C-alpha atoms as a PDB file:
ATOM      1  CA  MET A   1       0.059   0.011   0.152  1.00  0.00           C
ATOM      2  CA  THR A   2       1.139   3.728  -1.186  1.00  0.00           C
ATOM      3  CA  PRO A   3       1.239   6.289   1.605  1.00  0.00           C
ATOM      4  CA  GLU A   4      -1.219   9.267   0.741  1.00  0.00           C
ATOM      5  CA  PRO A   5       0.514  12.338  -0.992  1.00  0.00           C
ATOM      6  CA  ASP A   6       0.704  15.065   0.840  1.00  0.00           C
ATOM      7  CA  ASP A   7      -1.328  16.995  -2.354  1.00  0.00           C
ATOM      8  CA  PRO A   8      -5.044  16.805  -1.540  1.00  0.00           C
ATOM      9  CA  VAL A   9      -6.171  15.932  -5.307  1.00  0.00           C
ATOM     10  CA  LEU A  10      -3.172  13.285  -5.908  1.00  0.00           C
ATOM     11  CA  ALA A  11      -4.937  11.883  -2.078  1.00  0.00           C
ATOM     12  CA  GLN A  12      -8.499  11.983  -3.822  1.00  0.00           C
ATOM     13  CA  ARG A  13      -7.005  10.648  -6.667  1.00  0.00           C
ATOM     14  CA  GLU A  14      -5.440   7.273  -5.762  1.00  0.00           C
ATOM     15  CA  ARG A  15      -8.859   6.905  -3.019  1.00  0.00           C
ATOM     16  CA  ILE A  16     -11.559   6.553  -6.487  1.00  0.00           C
ATOM     17  CA  ARG A  17      -8.354   4.396  -8.179  1.00  0.00           C
ATOM     18  CA  ARG A  18      -8.350   1.986  -5.211  1.00  0.00           C
ATOM     19  CA  GLN A  19     -12.708   2.385  -4.922  1.00  0.00           C
ATOM     20  CA  ALA A  20     -12.189   1.771  -9.213  1.00  0.00           C
ATOM     21  CA  ASN A  21     -10.088  -1.255  -8.440  1.00  0.00           C
ATOM     22  CA  THR A  22     -12.524  -2.986  -5.597  1.00  0.00           C
ATOM     23  CA  ALA A  23     -15.395  -2.598  -8.240  1.00  0.00           C
ATOM     24  CA  GLN A  24     -13.753  -3.884 -10.975  1.00  0.00           C
ATOM     25  CA  ARG A  25     -13.174  -7.079  -8.538  1.00  0.00           C
ATOM     26  CA  ALA A  26     -16.966  -6.973  -7.695  1.00  0.00           C
ATOM     27  CA  GLY A  27     -17.568  -6.842 -11.144  1.00  0.00           C
ATOM     28  CA  TYR A  28     -15.612  -9.203 -12.142  1.00  0.00           C
ATOM     29  CA  ALA A  29     -16.968 -11.712  -8.813  1.00  0.00           C
ATOM     30  CA  MET A  30     -20.347 -11.127 -10.160  1.00  0.00           C
ATOM     31  CA  TYR A  31     -19.754 -13.053 -13.071  1.00  0.00           C
ATOM     32  CA  ALA A  32     -17.589 -15.860 -11.344  1.00  0.00           C
ATOM     33  CA  LEU A  33     -20.869 -16.193  -9.259  1.00  0.00           C
ATOM     34  CA  ALA A  34     -23.335 -16.431 -12.146  1.00  0.00           C
ATOM     35  CA  THR A  35     -21.093 -18.392 -13.992  1.00  0.00           C
ATOM     36  CA  LEU A  36     -20.856 -20.655 -10.994  1.00  0.00           C
ATOM     37  CA  GLY A  37     -24.590 -20.676 -11.156  1.00  0.00           C
ATOM     38  CA  PHE A  38     -24.951 -21.318 -14.499  1.00  0.00           C
ATOM     39  CA  PHE A  39     -23.193 -24.782 -14.206  1.00  0.00           C
ATOM     40  CA  ILE A  40     -25.233 -25.326 -11.137  1.00  0.00           C
ATOM     41  CA  GLY A  41     -28.109 -24.964 -12.458  1.00  0.00           C
ATOM     42  CA  LEU A  42     -26.975 -27.269 -15.420  1.00  0.00           C
ATOM     43  CA  ALA A  43     -25.964 -30.108 -12.928  1.00  0.00           C
ATOM     44  CA  THR A  44     -29.307 -29.840 -11.232  1.00  0.00           C
ATOM     45  CA  SER A  45     -32.515 -27.711 -13.222  1.00  0.00           C
ATOM     46  CA  LEU A  46     -32.311 -24.733 -14.189  1.00  0.00           C
ATOM     47  CA  SER A  47     -35.291 -23.449 -12.364  1.00  0.00           C
ATOM     48  CA  GLY A  48     -36.972 -19.516 -11.621  1.00  0.00           C
ATOM     49  CA  PRO A  49     -34.333 -18.814  -8.679  1.00  0.00           C
ATOM     50  CA  ILE A  50     -31.132 -20.063  -9.936  1.00  0.00           C
ATOM     51  CA  LEU A  51     -32.189 -18.180 -13.370  1.00  0.00           C
ATOM     52  CA  THR A  52     -32.998 -15.207 -11.725  1.00  0.00           C
ATOM     53  CA  VAL A  53     -29.506 -14.747  -9.098  1.00  0.00           C
ATOM     54  CA  ILE A  54     -28.176 -16.033 -12.281  1.00  0.00           C
ATOM     55  CA  ILE A  55     -29.792 -12.022 -14.315  1.00  0.00           C
ATOM     56  CA  VAL A  56     -29.305  -9.952 -10.972  1.00  0.00           C
ATOM     57  CA  LEU A  57     -25.958 -10.985 -11.080  1.00  0.00           C
ATOM     58  CA  MET A  58     -25.046 -10.529 -14.629  1.00  0.00           C
ATOM     59  CA  ILE A  59     -26.364  -6.961 -14.714  1.00  0.00           C
ATOM     60  CA  VAL A  60     -25.135  -5.652 -11.441  1.00  0.00           C
ATOM     61  CA  GLY A  61     -21.855  -7.223 -12.174  1.00  0.00           C
ATOM     62  CA  SER A  62     -21.814  -5.383 -15.812  1.00  0.00           C
ATOM     63  CA  VAL A  63     -23.289  -2.113 -14.710  1.00  0.00           C
ATOM     64  CA  VAL A  64     -20.272  -2.027 -12.007  1.00  0.00           C
ATOM     65  CA  LEU A  65     -17.685  -2.875 -13.995  1.00  0.00           C
ATOM     66  CA  ALA A  66     -18.303  -0.459 -16.561  1.00  0.00           C
ATOM     67  CA  VAL A  67     -18.640   2.497 -14.612  1.00  0.00           C
ATOM     68  CA  ALA A  68     -15.440   0.911 -12.371  1.00  0.00           C
ATOM     69  CA  ILE A  69     -13.123   0.278 -15.644  1.00  0.00           C
ATOM     70  CA  GLN A  70     -14.454   3.691 -17.081  1.00  0.00           C
ATOM     71  CA  VAL A  71     -13.542   5.757 -13.746  1.00  0.00           C
ATOM     72  CA  GLY A  72      -9.890   3.785 -14.170  1.00  0.00           C
ATOM     73  CA  TYR A  73      -9.295   4.961 -17.185  1.00  0.00           C
ATOM     74  CA  ALA A  74     -10.471   8.559 -16.082  1.00  0.00           C
ATOM     75  CA  ILE A  75      -7.920   8.252 -13.675  1.00  0.00           C
ATOM     76  CA  ARG A  76      -4.880   6.958 -16.360  1.00  0.00           C
ATOM     77  CA  GLY A  77      -5.595   9.663 -18.371  1.00  0.00           C
ATOM     78  CA  ALA A  78      -5.528  12.397 -15.795  1.00  0.00           C
ATOM     79  CA  GLU A  79      -2.416  11.394 -15.146  1.00  0.00           C
ATOM     80  CA  ARG A  80      -1.151  11.220 -18.899  1.00  0.00           C
ATOM     81  CA  HIS A  81      -2.526  14.811 -18.854  1.00  0.00           C
ATOM     82  CA  GLU A  82      -0.852  16.158 -15.906  1.00  0.00           C
ATOM     83  CA  GLU A  83       2.645  14.584 -16.973  1.00  0.00           C
ATOM     84  CA  ASP A  84       2.791  16.445 -20.785  1.00  0.00           C
ATOM     85  CA  SER A  85       1.523  19.785 -19.401  1.00  0.00           C
ATOM     86  CA  ILE A  86       4.601  18.961 -17.125  1.00  0.00           C
ATOM     87  CA  ALA A  87       6.920  17.984 -19.397  1.00  0.00           C
ATOM     88  CA  GLN A  88       5.869  20.764 -21.870  1.00  0.00           C
ATOM     89  CA  ARG A  89       6.082  23.689 -19.148  1.00  0.00           C
ATOM     90  CA  ARG A  90      10.158  21.910 -18.797  1.00  0.00           C
ATOM     91  CA  ARG A  91      10.683  22.083 -22.380  1.00  0.00           C
ATOM     92  CA  ARG A  92       9.566  26.548 -22.574  1.00  0.00           C
END
């Protein structure tokens, strides 16, 4: 774990990065649970409750994962922009 930076913007960016990483893990875990539920359902009988759980896990996992991936790209983009700005100032 990295220490919190002194700059409040960098500290907030790091907190958001950790939350996005956690959300990505949660989204992928929901996909894994849905897959596991599907195979359990195939082995037994694909009844209504099992299908409902699978569908809910897929929908919620998709939403969580989509938002987390977009936030991750936004954080990386902000860092790239900041690095480019610093490099341009140094060239002047």
